[in-house]
Each structure stands twice: as structure tokens, then as C-alpha cells.
Amino acid sequence: LLARVDSGGQLGAGELEELARSADILPLGMLADTARRHVHGTAVTYLR
């Protein structure tokens, strides 16, 4: 899953549902962080 996300790939509906059901959010967080870094690198924007 991590390799797929890191290359810009998308998770399937069943995989997302399984992640949503899991009580362990650390793998979910790692996948999401990898996905956001693929798009934005280390930049975080803010709006005043």
C-alpha cells in the first residue's frame, strides 16, 4: 500500500474501508502523510 501511494497510486474502496475500520491509526497516518508529501512535499500553506 505504501509503495502504491508513494508512486501516486490510489487505494481501492475495500482497502479504504479496512483502514477506516481499524483501531490502529498509525498505518493510516503514514499512508496519508506519504500521499500528501507526494503532492506538496514539505510545504504547508496557511490563510489569514
ModelCIF file with pLDDT and N, C-alpha, C, O atoms, coordinates in Angstrom:
data_MODEL
#
_entry.id   MODEL 
#
_entity.id                         1 
_entity.type                       polymer 
_entity.pdbx_number_of_molecules   1 
#
_entity_poly.entity_id                      1 
_entity_poly.type                           'polypeptide(L)' 
_entity_poly.nstd_linkage                   no 
_entity_poly.nstd_monomer                   no 
_entity_poly.pdbx_seq_one_letter_code       LLARVDSGGQLGAGELEELARSADILPLGMLADTARRHVHGTAVTYLR 
_entity_poly.pdbx_seq_one_letter_code_can   LLARVDSGGQLGAGELEELARSADILPLGMLADTARRHVHGTAVTYLR 
_entity_poly.pdbx_strand_id                 A 
#
loop_
_entity_poly_seq.entity_id 
_entity_poly_seq.num 
_entity_poly_seq.mon_id 
_entity_poly_seq.hetero 
1 1  LEU n 
1 2  LEU n 
1 3  ALA n 
1 4  ARG n 
1 5  VAL n 
1 6  ASP n 
1 7  SER n 
1 8  GLY n 
1 9  GLY n 
1 10 GLN n 
1 11 LEU n 
1 12 GLY n 
1 13 ALA n 
1 14 GLY n 
1 15 GLU n 
1 16 LEU n 
1 17 GLU n 
1 18 GLU n 
1 19 LEU n 
1 20 ALA n 
1 21 ARG n 
1 22 SER n 
1 23 ALA n 
1 24 ASP n 
1 25 ILE n 
1 26 LEU n 
1 27 PRO n 
1 28 LEU n 
1 29 GLY n 
1 30 MET n 
1 31 LEU n 
1 32 ALA n 
1 33 ASP n 
1 34 THR n 
1 35 ALA n 
1 36 ARG n 
1 37 ARG n 
1 38 HIS n 
1 39 VAL n 
1 40 HIS n 
1 41 GLY n 
1 42 THR n 
1 43 ALA n 
1 44 VAL n 
1 45 THR n 
1 46 TYR n 
1 47 LEU n 
1 48 ARG n 
#
_struct_asym.id          A 
_struct_asym.entity_id   1 
#
loop_
_ma_qa_metric.id 
_ma_qa_metric.mode 
_ma_qa_metric.name 
_ma_qa_metric.software_group_id 
_ma_qa_metric.type 
1 global pLDDT . pLDDT 
2 local  pLDDT . pLDDT 
#
_ma_qa_metric_global.metric_id      1 
_ma_qa_metric_global.metric_value   96.04 
_ma_qa_metric_global.model_id       1 
_ma_qa_metric_global.ordinal_id     1 
#
loop_
_ma_qa_metric_local.label_asym_id 
_ma_qa_metric_local.label_comp_id 
_ma_qa_metric_local.label_seq_id 
_ma_qa_metric_local.metric_id 
_ma_qa_metric_local.metric_value 
_ma_qa_metric_local.model_id 
_ma_qa_metric_local.ordinal_id 
A LEU 1  2 95.00 1 1  
A LEU 2  2 95.00 1 2  
A ALA 3  2 95.00 1 3  
A ARG 4  2 95.00 1 4  
A VAL 5  2 96.00 1 5  
A ASP 6  2 95.00 1 6  
A SER 7  2 94.00 1 7  
A GLY 8  2 93.00 1 8  
A GLY 9  2 94.00 1 9  
A GLN 10 2 94.00 1 10 
A LEU 11 2 96.00 1 11 
A GLY 12 2 96.00 1 12 
A ALA 13 2 96.00 1 13 
A GLY 14 2 95.00 1 14 
A GLU 15 2 96.00 1 15 
A LEU 16 2 97.00 1 16 
A GLU 17 2 96.00 1 17 
A GLU 18 2 95.00 1 18 
A LEU 19 2 95.00 1 19 
A ALA 20 2 96.00 1 20 
A ARG 21 2 95.00 1 21 
A SER 22 2 94.00 1 22 
A ALA 23 2 94.00 1 23 
A ASP 24 2 94.00 1 24 
A ILE 25 2 95.00 1 25 
A LEU 26 2 95.00 1 26 
A PRO 27 2 95.00 1 27 
A LEU 28 2 97.00 1 28 
A GLY 29 2 97.00 1 29 
A MET 30 2 97.00 1 30 
A LEU 31 2 98.00 1 31 
A ALA 32 2 98.00 1 32 
A ASP 33 2 98.00 1 33 
A THR 34 2 98.00 1 34 
A ALA 35 2 98.00 1 35 
A ARG 36 2 97.00 1 36 
A ARG 37 2 97.00 1 37 
A HIS 38 2 95.00 1 38 
A VAL 39 2 95.00 1 39 
A HIS 40 2 97.00 1 40 
A GLY 41 2 97.00 1 41 
A THR 42 2 98.00 1 42 
A ALA 43 2 98.00 1 43 
A VAL 44 2 98.00 1 44 
A THR 45 2 98.00 1 45 
A TYR 46 2 98.00 1 46 
A LEU 47 2 98.00 1 47 
A ARG 48 2 97.00 1 48 
#
loop_
_atom_site.group_PDB 
_atom_site.id 
_atom_site.type_symbol 
_atom_site.label_atom_id 
_atom_site.label_alt_id 
_atom_site.label_comp_id 
_atom_site.label_asym_id 
_atom_site.label_entity_id 
_atom_site.label_seq_id 
_atom_site.pdbx_PDB_ins_code 
_atom_site.Cartn_x 
_atom_site.Cartn_y 
_atom_site.Cartn_z 
_atom_site.occupancy 
_atom_site.B_iso_or_equiv 
_atom_site.pdbx_formal_charge 
_atom_site.auth_seq_id 
_atom_site.auth_comp_id 
_atom_site.auth_asym_id 
_atom_site.auth_atom_id 
_atom_site.pdbx_PDB_model_num 
ATOM 1   N N  . LEU A 1 1  ? 0.831   -1.198 0.000  1.00 95.00 ? 1  LEU A N  1 
ATOM 2   C CA . LEU A 1 1  ? 0.000   0.000  0.000  1.00 95.00 ? 1  LEU A CA 1 
ATOM 3   C C  . LEU A 1 1  ? 0.870   1.254  0.000  1.00 95.00 ? 1  LEU A C  1 
ATOM 4   O O  . LEU A 1 1  ? 0.601   2.206  -0.732 1.00 95.00 ? 1  LEU A O  1 
ATOM 5   N N  . LEU A 1 2  ? 1.913   1.246  0.826  1.00 95.00 ? 2  LEU A N  1 
ATOM 6   C CA . LEU A 1 2  ? 2.795   2.412  0.932  1.00 95.00 ? 2  LEU A CA 1 
ATOM 7   C C  . LEU A 1 2  ? 3.494   2.686  -0.394 1.00 95.00 ? 2  LEU A C  1 
ATOM 8   O O  . LEU A 1 2  ? 3.609   3.838  -0.811 1.00 95.00 ? 2  LEU A O  1 
ATOM 9   N N  . ALA A 1 3  ? 3.955   1.639  -1.050 1.00 95.00 ? 3  ALA A N  1 
ATOM 10  C CA . ALA A 1 3  ? 4.632   1.807  -2.333 1.00 95.00 ? 3  ALA A CA 1 
ATOM 11  C C  . ALA A 1 3  ? 3.681   2.363  -3.388 1.00 95.00 ? 3  ALA A C  1 
ATOM 12  O O  . ALA A 1 3  ? 4.073   3.189  -4.212 1.00 95.00 ? 3  ALA A O  1 
ATOM 13  N N  . ARG A 1 4  ? 2.435   1.910  -3.359 1.00 95.00 ? 4  ARG A N  1 
ATOM 14  C CA . ARG A 1 4  ? 1.456   2.393  -4.327 1.00 95.00 ? 4  ARG A CA 1 
ATOM 15  C C  . ARG A 1 4  ? 1.155   3.873  -4.113 1.00 95.00 ? 4  ARG A C  1 
ATOM 16  O O  . ARG A 1 4  ? 1.113   4.654  -5.063 1.00 95.00 ? 4  ARG A O  1 
ATOM 17  N N  . VAL A 1 5  ? 0.945   4.246  -2.849 1.00 96.00 ? 5  VAL A N  1 
ATOM 18  C CA . VAL A 1 5  ? 0.648   5.641  -2.522 1.00 96.00 ? 5  VAL A CA 1 
ATOM 19  C C  . VAL A 1 5  ? 1.842   6.534  -2.843 1.00 96.00 ? 5  VAL A C  1 
ATOM 20  O O  . VAL A 1 5  ? 1.675   7.649  -3.337 1.00 96.00 ? 5  VAL A O  1 
ATOM 21  N N  . ASP A 1 6  ? 3.038   6.043  -2.563 1.00 95.00 ? 6  ASP A N  1 
ATOM 22  C CA . ASP A 1 6  ? 4.251   6.829  -2.790 1.00 95.00 ? 6  ASP A CA 1 
ATOM 23  C C  . ASP A 1 6  ? 4.466   7.116  -4.272 1.00 95.00 ? 6  ASP A C  1 
ATOM 24  O O  . ASP A 1 6  ? 5.109   8.105  -4.625 1.00 95.00 ? 6  ASP A O  1 
ATOM 25  N N  . SER A 1 7  ? 3.942   6.273  -5.128 1.00 94.00 ? 7  SER A N  1 
ATOM 26  C CA . SER A 1 7  ? 4.091   6.465  -6.568 1.00 94.00 ? 7  SER A CA 1 
ATOM 27  C C  . SER A 1 7  ? 2.907   7.220  -7.165 1.00 94.00 ? 7  SER A C  1 
ATOM 28  O O  . SER A 1 7  ? 2.810   7.371  -8.382 1.00 94.00 ? 7  SER A O  1 
ATOM 29  N N  . GLY A 1 8  ? 1.999   7.697  -6.291 1.00 93.00 ? 8  GLY A N  1 
ATOM 30  C CA . GLY A 1 8  ? 0.843   8.443  -6.766 1.00 93.00 ? 8  GLY A CA 1 
ATOM 31  C C  . GLY A 1 8  ? -0.363  7.593  -7.068 1.00 93.00 ? 8  GLY A C  1 
ATOM 32  O O  . GLY A 1 8  ? -1.337  8.083  -7.639 1.00 93.00 ? 8  GLY A O  1 
ATOM 33  N N  . GLY A 1 9  ? -0.321  6.317  -6.694 1.00 94.00 ? 9  GLY A N  1 
ATOM 34  C CA . GLY A 1 9  ? -1.447  5.431  -6.934 1.00 94.00 ? 9  GLY A CA 1 
ATOM 35  C C  . GLY A 1 9  ? -2.560  5.635  -5.927 1.00 94.00 ? 9  GLY A C  1 
ATOM 36  O O  . GLY A 1 9  ? -2.382  6.321  -4.920 1.00 94.00 ? 9  GLY A O  1 
ATOM 37  N N  . GLN A 1 10 ? -3.710  5.037  -6.202 1.00 94.00 ? 10 GLN A N  1 
ATOM 38  C CA . GLN A 1 10 ? -4.892  5.200  -5.371 1.00 94.00 ? 10 GLN A CA 1 
ATOM 39  C C  . GLN A 1 10 ? -5.273  3.880  -4.710 1.00 94.00 ? 10 GLN A C  1 
ATOM 40  O O  . GLN A 1 10 ? -5.114  2.814  -5.303 1.00 94.00 ? 10 GLN A O  1 
ATOM 41  N N  . LEU A 1 11 ? -5.768  3.956  -3.502 1.00 96.00 ? 11 LEU A N  1 
ATOM 42  C CA . LEU A 1 11 ? -6.245  2.770  -2.799 1.00 96.00 ? 11 LEU A CA 1 
ATOM 43  C C  . LEU A 1 11 ? -7.659  2.439  -3.251 1.00 96.00 ? 11 LEU A C  1 
ATOM 44  O O  . LEU A 1 11 ? -8.432  3.322  -3.624 1.00 96.00 ? 11 LEU A O  1 
ATOM 45  N N  . GLY A 1 12 ? -7.985  1.148  -3.212 1.00 96.00 ? 12 GLY A N  1 
ATOM 46  C CA . GLY A 1 12 ? -9.319  0.716  -3.587 1.00 96.00 ? 12 GLY A CA 1 
ATOM 47  C C  . GLY A 1 12 ? -10.320 0.938  -2.471 1.00 96.00 ? 12 GLY A C  1 
ATOM 48  O O  . GLY A 1 12 ? -9.942  1.175  -1.324 1.00 96.00 ? 12 GLY A O  1 
ATOM 49  N N  . ALA A 1 13 ? -11.610 0.861  -2.814 1.00 96.00 ? 13 ALA A N  1 
ATOM 50  C CA . ALA A 1 13 ? -12.669 1.100  -1.838 1.00 96.00 ? 13 ALA A CA 1 
ATOM 51  C C  . ALA A 1 13 ? -12.581 0.120  -0.672 1.00 96.00 ? 13 ALA A C  1 
ATOM 52  O O  . ALA A 1 13 ? -12.757 0.514  0.481  1.00 96.00 ? 13 ALA A O  1 
ATOM 53  N N  . GLY A 1 14 ? -12.308 -1.166 -0.964 1.00 95.00 ? 14 GLY A N  1 
ATOM 54  C CA . GLY A 1 14 ? -12.202 -2.152 0.102  1.00 95.00 ? 14 GLY A CA 1 
ATOM 55  C C  . GLY A 1 14 ? -11.033 -1.882 1.028  1.00 95.00 ? 14 GLY A C  1 
ATOM 56  O O  . GLY A 1 14 ? -11.140 -2.065 2.240  1.00 95.00 ? 14 GLY A O  1 
ATOM 57  N N  . GLU A 1 15 ? -9.907  -1.444 0.458  1.00 96.00 ? 15 GLU A N  1 
ATOM 58  C CA . GLU A 1 15 ? -8.735  -1.132 1.277  1.00 96.00 ? 15 GLU A CA 1 
ATOM 59  C C  . GLU A 1 15 ? -9.004  0.080  2.180  1.00 96.00 ? 15 GLU A C  1 
ATOM 60  O O  . GLU A 1 15 ? -8.594  0.099  3.341  1.00 96.00 ? 15 GLU A O  1 
ATOM 61  N N  . LEU A 1 16 ? -9.687  1.078  1.642  1.00 97.00 ? 16 LEU A N  1 
ATOM 62  C CA . LEU A 1 16 ? -10.025 2.257  2.442  1.00 97.00 ? 16 LEU A CA 1 
ATOM 63  C C  . LEU A 1 16 ? -10.994 1.894  3.567  1.00 97.00 ? 16 LEU A C  1 
ATOM 64  O O  . LEU A 1 16 ? -10.859 2.381  4.689  1.00 97.00 ? 16 LEU A O  1 
ATOM 65  N N  . GLU A 1 17 ? -11.965 1.043  3.266  1.00 96.00 ? 17 GLU A N  1 
ATOM 66  C CA . GLU A 1 17 ? -12.911 0.616  4.293  1.00 96.00 ? 17 GLU A CA 1 
ATOM 67  C C  . GLU A 1 17 ? -12.211 -0.156 5.401  1.00 96.00 ? 17 GLU A C  1 
ATOM 68  O O  . GLU A 1 17 ? -12.545 -0.003 6.576  1.00 96.00 ? 17 GLU A O  1 
ATOM 69  N N  . GLU A 1 18 ? -11.242 -0.984 5.027  1.00 95.00 ? 18 GLU A N  1 
ATOM 70  C CA . GLU A 1 18 ? -10.494 -1.749 6.022  1.00 95.00 ? 18 GLU A CA 1 
ATOM 71  C C  . GLU A 1 18 ? -9.658  -0.821 6.902  1.00 95.00 ? 18 GLU A C  1 
ATOM 72  O O  . GLU A 1 18 ? -9.582  -1.018 8.114  1.00 95.00 ? 18 GLU A O  1 
ATOM 73  N N  . LEU A 1 19 ? -9.042  0.175  6.305  1.00 95.00 ? 19 LEU A N  1 
ATOM 74  C CA . LEU A 1 19 ? -8.275  1.158  7.079  1.00 95.00 ? 19 LEU A CA 1 
ATOM 75  C C  . LEU A 1 19 ? -9.197  1.954  7.997  1.00 95.00 ? 19 LEU A C  1 
ATOM 76  O O  . LEU A 1 19 ? -8.825  2.266  9.128  1.00 95.00 ? 19 LEU A O  1 
ATOM 77  N N  . ALA A 1 20 ? -10.384 2.281  7.526  1.00 96.00 ? 20 ALA A N  1 
ATOM 78  C CA . ALA A 1 20 ? -11.332 3.045  8.333  1.00 96.00 ? 20 ALA A CA 1 
ATOM 79  C C  . ALA A 1 20 ? -11.833 2.247  9.526  1.00 96.00 ? 20 ALA A C  1 
ATOM 80  O O  . ALA A 1 20 ? -12.108 2.812  10.584 1.00 96.00 ? 20 ALA A O  1 
ATOM 81  N N  . ARG A 1 21 ? -11.951 0.932  9.357  1.00 95.00 ? 21 ARG A N  1 
ATOM 82  C CA . ARG A 1 21 ? -12.426 0.083  10.458 1.00 95.00 ? 21 ARG A CA 1 
ATOM 83  C C  . ARG A 1 21 ? -11.357 -0.171 11.506 1.00 95.00 ? 21 ARG A C  1 
ATOM 84  O O  . ARG A 1 21 ? -11.676 -0.459 12.660 1.00 95.00 ? 21 ARG A O  1 
ATOM 85  N N  . SER A 1 22 ? -10.113 -0.071 11.126 1.00 94.00 ? 22 SER A N  1 
ATOM 86  C CA . SER A 1 22 ? -9.027  -0.416 12.036 1.00 94.00 ? 22 SER A CA 1 
ATOM 87  C C  . SER A 1 22 ? -8.910  0.591  13.166 1.00 94.00 ? 22 SER A C  1 
ATOM 88  O O  . SER A 1 22 ? -9.051  1.795  12.949 1.00 94.00 ? 22 SER A O  1 
ATOM 89  N N  . ALA A 1 23 ? -8.651  0.099  14.379 1.00 94.00 ? 23 ALA A N  1 
ATOM 90  C CA . ALA A 1 23 ? -8.438  0.987  15.527 1.00 94.00 ? 23 ALA A CA 1 
ATOM 91  C C  . ALA A 1 23 ? -7.022  1.552  15.546 1.00 94.00 ? 23 ALA A C  1 
ATOM 92  O O  . ALA A 1 23 ? -6.743  2.510  16.267 1.00 94.00 ? 23 ALA A O  1 
ATOM 93  N N  . ASP A 1 24 ? -6.134  0.966  14.762 1.00 94.00 ? 24 ASP A N  1 
ATOM 94  C CA . ASP A 1 24 ? -4.749  1.426  14.703 1.00 94.00 ? 24 ASP A CA 1 
ATOM 95  C C  . ASP A 1 24 ? -4.633  2.488  13.618 1.00 94.00 ? 24 ASP A C  1 
ATOM 96  O O  . ASP A 1 24 ? -4.683  2.175  12.429 1.00 94.00 ? 24 ASP A O  1 
ATOM 97  N N  . ILE A 1 25 ? -4.475  3.751  14.029 1.00 95.00 ? 25 ILE A N  1 
ATOM 98  C CA . ILE A 1 25 ? -4.449  4.830  13.045 1.00 95.00 ? 25 ILE A CA 1 
ATOM 99  C C  . ILE A 1 25 ? -3.041  5.172  12.565 1.00 95.00 ? 25 ILE A C  1 
ATOM 100 O O  . ILE A 1 25 ? -2.883  5.997  11.665 1.00 95.00 ? 25 ILE A O  1 
ATOM 101 N N  . LEU A 1 26 ? -2.024  4.558  13.146 1.00 95.00 ? 26 LEU A N  1 
ATOM 102 C CA . LEU A 1 26 ? -0.659  4.900  12.727 1.00 95.00 ? 26 LEU A CA 1 
ATOM 103 C C  . LEU A 1 26 ? -0.366  4.488  11.284 1.00 95.00 ? 26 LEU A C  1 
ATOM 104 O O  . LEU A 1 26 ? 0.192   5.293  10.539 1.00 95.00 ? 26 LEU A O  1 
ATOM 105 N N  . PRO A 1 27 ? -0.717  3.271  10.853 1.00 95.00 ? 27 PRO A N  1 
ATOM 106 C CA . PRO A 1 27 ? -0.511  2.951  9.432  1.00 95.00 ? 27 PRO A CA 1 
ATOM 107 C C  . PRO A 1 27 ? -1.295  3.884  8.512  1.00 95.00 ? 27 PRO A C  1 
ATOM 108 O O  . PRO A 1 27 ? -0.796  4.292  7.463  1.00 95.00 ? 27 PRO A O  1 
ATOM 109 N N  . LEU A 1 28 ? -2.519  4.217  8.907  1.00 97.00 ? 28 LEU A N  1 
ATOM 110 C CA . LEU A 1 28 ? -3.332  5.146  8.126  1.00 97.00 ? 28 LEU A CA 1 
ATOM 111 C C  . LEU A 1 28 ? -2.635  6.496  8.018  1.00 97.00 ? 28 LEU A C  1 
ATOM 112 O O  . LEU A 1 28 ? -2.587  7.099  6.946  1.00 97.00 ? 28 LEU A O  1 
ATOM 113 N N  . GLY A 1 29 ? -2.097  6.963  9.144  1.00 97.00 ? 29 GLY A N  1 
ATOM 114 C CA . GLY A 1 29 ? -1.393  8.241  9.138  1.00 97.00 ? 29 GLY A CA 1 
ATOM 115 C C  . GLY A 1 29 ? -0.157  8.222  8.266  1.00 97.00 ? 29 GLY A C  1 
ATOM 116 O O  . GLY A 1 29 ? 0.125   9.199  7.573  1.00 97.00 ? 29 GLY A O  1 
ATOM 117 N N  . MET A 1 30 ? 0.587   7.126  8.288  1.00 97.00 ? 30 MET A N  1 
ATOM 118 C CA . MET A 1 30 ? 1.785   7.015  7.463  1.00 97.00 ? 30 MET A CA 1 
ATOM 119 C C  . MET A 1 30 ? 1.433   7.041  5.976  1.00 97.00 ? 30 MET A C  1 
ATOM 120 O O  . MET A 1 30 ? 2.123   7.679  5.182  1.00 97.00 ? 30 MET A O  1 
ATOM 121 N N  . LEU A 1 31 ? 0.367   6.351  5.607  1.00 98.00 ? 31 LEU A N  1 
ATOM 122 C CA . LEU A 1 31 ? -0.058  6.348  4.215  1.00 98.00 ? 31 LEU A CA 1 
ATOM 123 C C  . LEU A 1 31 ? -0.495  7.746  3.779  1.00 98.00 ? 31 LEU A C  1 
ATOM 124 O O  . LEU A 1 31 ? -0.143  8.204  2.691  1.00 98.00 ? 31 LEU A O  1 
ATOM 125 N N  . ALA A 1 32 ? -1.268  8.422  4.641  1.00 98.00 ? 32 ALA A N  1 
ATOM 126 C CA . ALA A 1 32 ? -1.763  9.757  4.294  1.00 98.00 ? 32 ALA A CA 1 
ATOM 127 C C  . ALA A 1 32 ? -0.620  10.763 4.210  1.00 98.00 ? 32 ALA A C  1 
ATOM 128 O O  . ALA A 1 32 ? -0.609  11.629 3.335  1.00 98.00 ? 32 ALA A O  1 
ATOM 129 N N  . ASP A 1 33 ? 0.337   10.645 5.121  1.00 98.00 ? 33 ASP A N  1 
ATOM 130 C CA . ASP A 1 33 ? 1.486   11.559 5.092  1.00 98.00 ? 33 ASP A CA 1 
ATOM 131 C C  . ASP A 1 33 ? 2.305   11.344 3.822  1.00 98.00 ? 33 ASP A C  1 
ATOM 132 O O  . ASP A 1 33 ? 2.781   12.305 3.217  1.00 98.00 ? 33 ASP A O  1 
ATOM 133 N N  . THR A 1 34 ? 2.468   10.099 3.422  1.00 98.00 ? 34 THR A N  1 
ATOM 134 C CA . THR A 1 34 ? 3.177   9.806  2.185  1.00 98.00 ? 34 THR A CA 1 
ATOM 135 C C  . THR A 1 34 ? 2.446   10.397 0.984  1.00 98.00 ? 34 THR A C  1 
ATOM 136 O O  . THR A 1 34 ? 3.073   10.933 0.071  1.00 98.00 ? 34 THR A O  1 
ATOM 137 N N  . ALA A 1 35 ? 1.122   10.298 0.987  1.00 98.00 ? 35 ALA A N  1 
ATOM 138 C CA . ALA A 1 35 ? 0.324   10.836 -0.117 1.00 98.00 ? 35 ALA A CA 1 
ATOM 139 C C  . ALA A 1 35 ? 0.429   12.346 -0.183 1.00 98.00 ? 35 ALA A C  1 
ATOM 140 O O  . ALA A 1 35 ? 0.562   12.900 -1.275 1.00 98.00 ? 35 ALA A O  1 
ATOM 141 N N  . ARG A 1 36 ? 0.375   13.029 0.948  1.00 97.00 ? 36 ARG A N  1 
ATOM 142 C CA . ARG A 1 36 ? 0.448   14.497 0.912  1.00 97.00 ? 36 ARG A CA 1 
ATOM 143 C C  . ARG A 1 36 ? 1.846   14.971 0.522  1.00 97.00 ? 36 ARG A C  1 
ATOM 144 O O  . ARG A 1 36 ? 1.980   15.997 -0.144 1.00 97.00 ? 36 ARG A O  1 
ATOM 145 N N  . ARG A 1 37 ? 2.883   14.249 0.924  1.00 97.00 ? 37 ARG A N  1 
ATOM 146 C CA . ARG A 1 37 ? 4.242   14.628 0.530  1.00 97.00 ? 37 ARG A CA 1 
ATOM 147 C C  . ARG A 1 37 ? 4.466   14.396 -0.964 1.00 97.00 ? 37 ARG A C  1 
ATOM 148 O O  . ARG A 1 37 ? 5.254   15.102 -1.593 1.00 97.00 ? 37 ARG A O  1 
ATOM 149 N N  . HIS A 1 38 ? 3.776   13.412 -1.525 1.00 95.00 ? 38 HIS A N  1 
ATOM 150 C CA . HIS A 1 38 ? 3.879   13.176 -2.966 1.00 95.00 ? 38 HIS A CA 1 
ATOM 151 C C  . HIS A 1 38 ? 3.356   14.376 -3.747 1.00 95.00 ? 38 HIS A C  1 
ATOM 152 O O  . HIS A 1 38 ? 3.863   14.682 -4.826 1.00 95.00 ? 38 HIS A O  1 
ATOM 153 N N  . VAL A 1 39 ? 2.340   15.062 -3.208 1.00 95.00 ? 39 VAL A N  1 
ATOM 154 C CA . VAL A 1 39 ? 1.724   16.199 -3.896 1.00 95.00 ? 39 VAL A CA 1 
ATOM 155 C C  . VAL A 1 39 ? 2.384   17.511 -3.511 1.00 95.00 ? 39 VAL A C  1 
ATOM 156 O O  . VAL A 1 39 ? 2.638   18.352 -4.373 1.00 95.00 ? 39 VAL A O  1 
ATOM 157 N N  . HIS A 1 40 ? 2.667   17.697 -2.220 1.00 97.00 ? 40 HIS A N  1 
ATOM 158 C CA . HIS A 1 40 ? 3.085   19.010 -1.714 1.00 97.00 ? 40 HIS A CA 1 
ATOM 159 C C  . HIS A 1 40 ? 4.500   19.059 -1.157 1.00 97.00 ? 40 HIS A C  1 
ATOM 160 O O  . HIS A 1 40 ? 4.970   20.132 -0.777 1.00 97.00 ? 40 HIS A O  1 
ATOM 161 N N  . GLY A 1 41 ? 5.179   17.943 -1.098 1.00 97.00 ? 41 GLY A N  1 
ATOM 162 C CA . GLY A 1 41 ? 6.498   17.951 -0.477 1.00 97.00 ? 41 GLY A CA 1 
ATOM 163 C C  . GLY A 1 41 ? 6.383   18.312 0.996  1.00 97.00 ? 41 GLY A C  1 
ATOM 164 O O  . GLY A 1 41 ? 5.567   17.736 1.715  1.00 97.00 ? 41 GLY A O  1 
ATOM 165 N N  . THR A 1 42 ? 7.193   19.260 1.448  1.00 98.00 ? 42 THR A N  1 
ATOM 166 C CA . THR A 1 42 ? 7.158   19.655 2.867  1.00 98.00 ? 42 THR A CA 1 
ATOM 167 C C  . THR A 1 42 ? 6.426   20.972 3.079  1.00 98.00 ? 42 THR A C  1 
ATOM 168 O O  . THR A 1 42 ? 6.425   21.494 4.194  1.00 98.00 ? 42 THR A O  1 
ATOM 169 N N  . ALA A 1 43 ? 5.806   21.522 2.044  1.00 98.00 ? 43 ALA A N  1 
ATOM 170 C CA . ALA A 1 43 ? 5.132   22.817 2.166  1.00 98.00 ? 43 ALA A CA 1 
ATOM 171 C C  . ALA A 1 43 ? 3.769   22.659 2.832  1.00 98.00 ? 43 ALA A C  1 
ATOM 172 O O  . ALA A 1 43 ? 3.024   21.726 2.535  1.00 98.00 ? 43 ALA A O  1 
ATOM 173 N N  . VAL A 1 44 ? 3.455   23.588 3.742  1.00 98.00 ? 44 VAL A N  1 
ATOM 174 C CA . VAL A 1 44 ? 2.132   23.696 4.352  1.00 98.00 ? 44 VAL A CA 1 
ATOM 175 C C  . VAL A 1 44 ? 1.681   25.138 4.181  1.00 98.00 ? 44 VAL A C  1 
ATOM 176 O O  . VAL A 1 44 ? 2.355   26.059 4.642  1.00 98.00 ? 44 VAL A O  1 
ATOM 177 N N  . THR A 1 45 ? 0.563   25.337 3.531  1.00 98.00 ? 45 THR A N  1 
ATOM 178 C CA . THR A 1 45 ? 0.046   26.677 3.328  1.00 98.00 ? 45 THR A CA 1 
ATOM 179 C C  . THR A 1 45 ? -0.902  27.068 4.454  1.00 98.00 ? 45 THR A C  1 
ATOM 180 O O  . THR A 1 45 ? -1.490  26.212 5.115  1.00 98.00 ? 45 THR A O  1 
ATOM 181 N N  . TYR A 1 46 ? -1.040  28.370 4.659  1.00 98.00 ? 46 TYR A N  1 
ATOM 182 C CA . TYR A 1 46 ? -1.995  28.879 5.648  1.00 98.00 ? 46 TYR A CA 1 
ATOM 183 C C  . TYR A 1 46 ? -2.595  30.167 5.122  1.00 98.00 ? 46 TYR A C  1 
ATOM 184 O O  . TYR A 1 46 ? -1.969  30.892 4.348  1.00 98.00 ? 46 TYR A O  1 
ATOM 185 N N  . LEU A 1 47 ? -3.829  30.445 5.558  1.00 98.00 ? 47 LEU A N  1 
ATOM 186 C CA . LEU A 1 47 ? -4.570  31.612 5.089  1.00 98.00 ? 47 LEU A CA 1 
ATOM 187 C C  . LEU A 1 47 ? -4.983  32.462 6.274  1.00 98.00 ? 47 LEU A C  1 
ATOM 188 O O  . LEU A 1 47 ? -5.657  31.989 7.189  1.00 98.00 ? 47 LEU A O  1 
ATOM 189 N N  . ARG A 1 48 ? -4.571  33.725 6.249  1.00 97.00 ? 48 ARG A N  1 
ATOM 190 C CA . ARG A 1 48 ? -5.001  34.669 7.281  1.00 97.00 ? 48 ARG A CA 1 
ATOM 191 C C  . ARG A 1 48 ? -6.320  35.324 6.849  1.00 97.00 ? 48 ARG A C  1 
ATOM 192 O O  . ARG A 1 48 ? -6.863  36.156 7.576  1.00 97.00 ? 48 ARG A O  1 
#
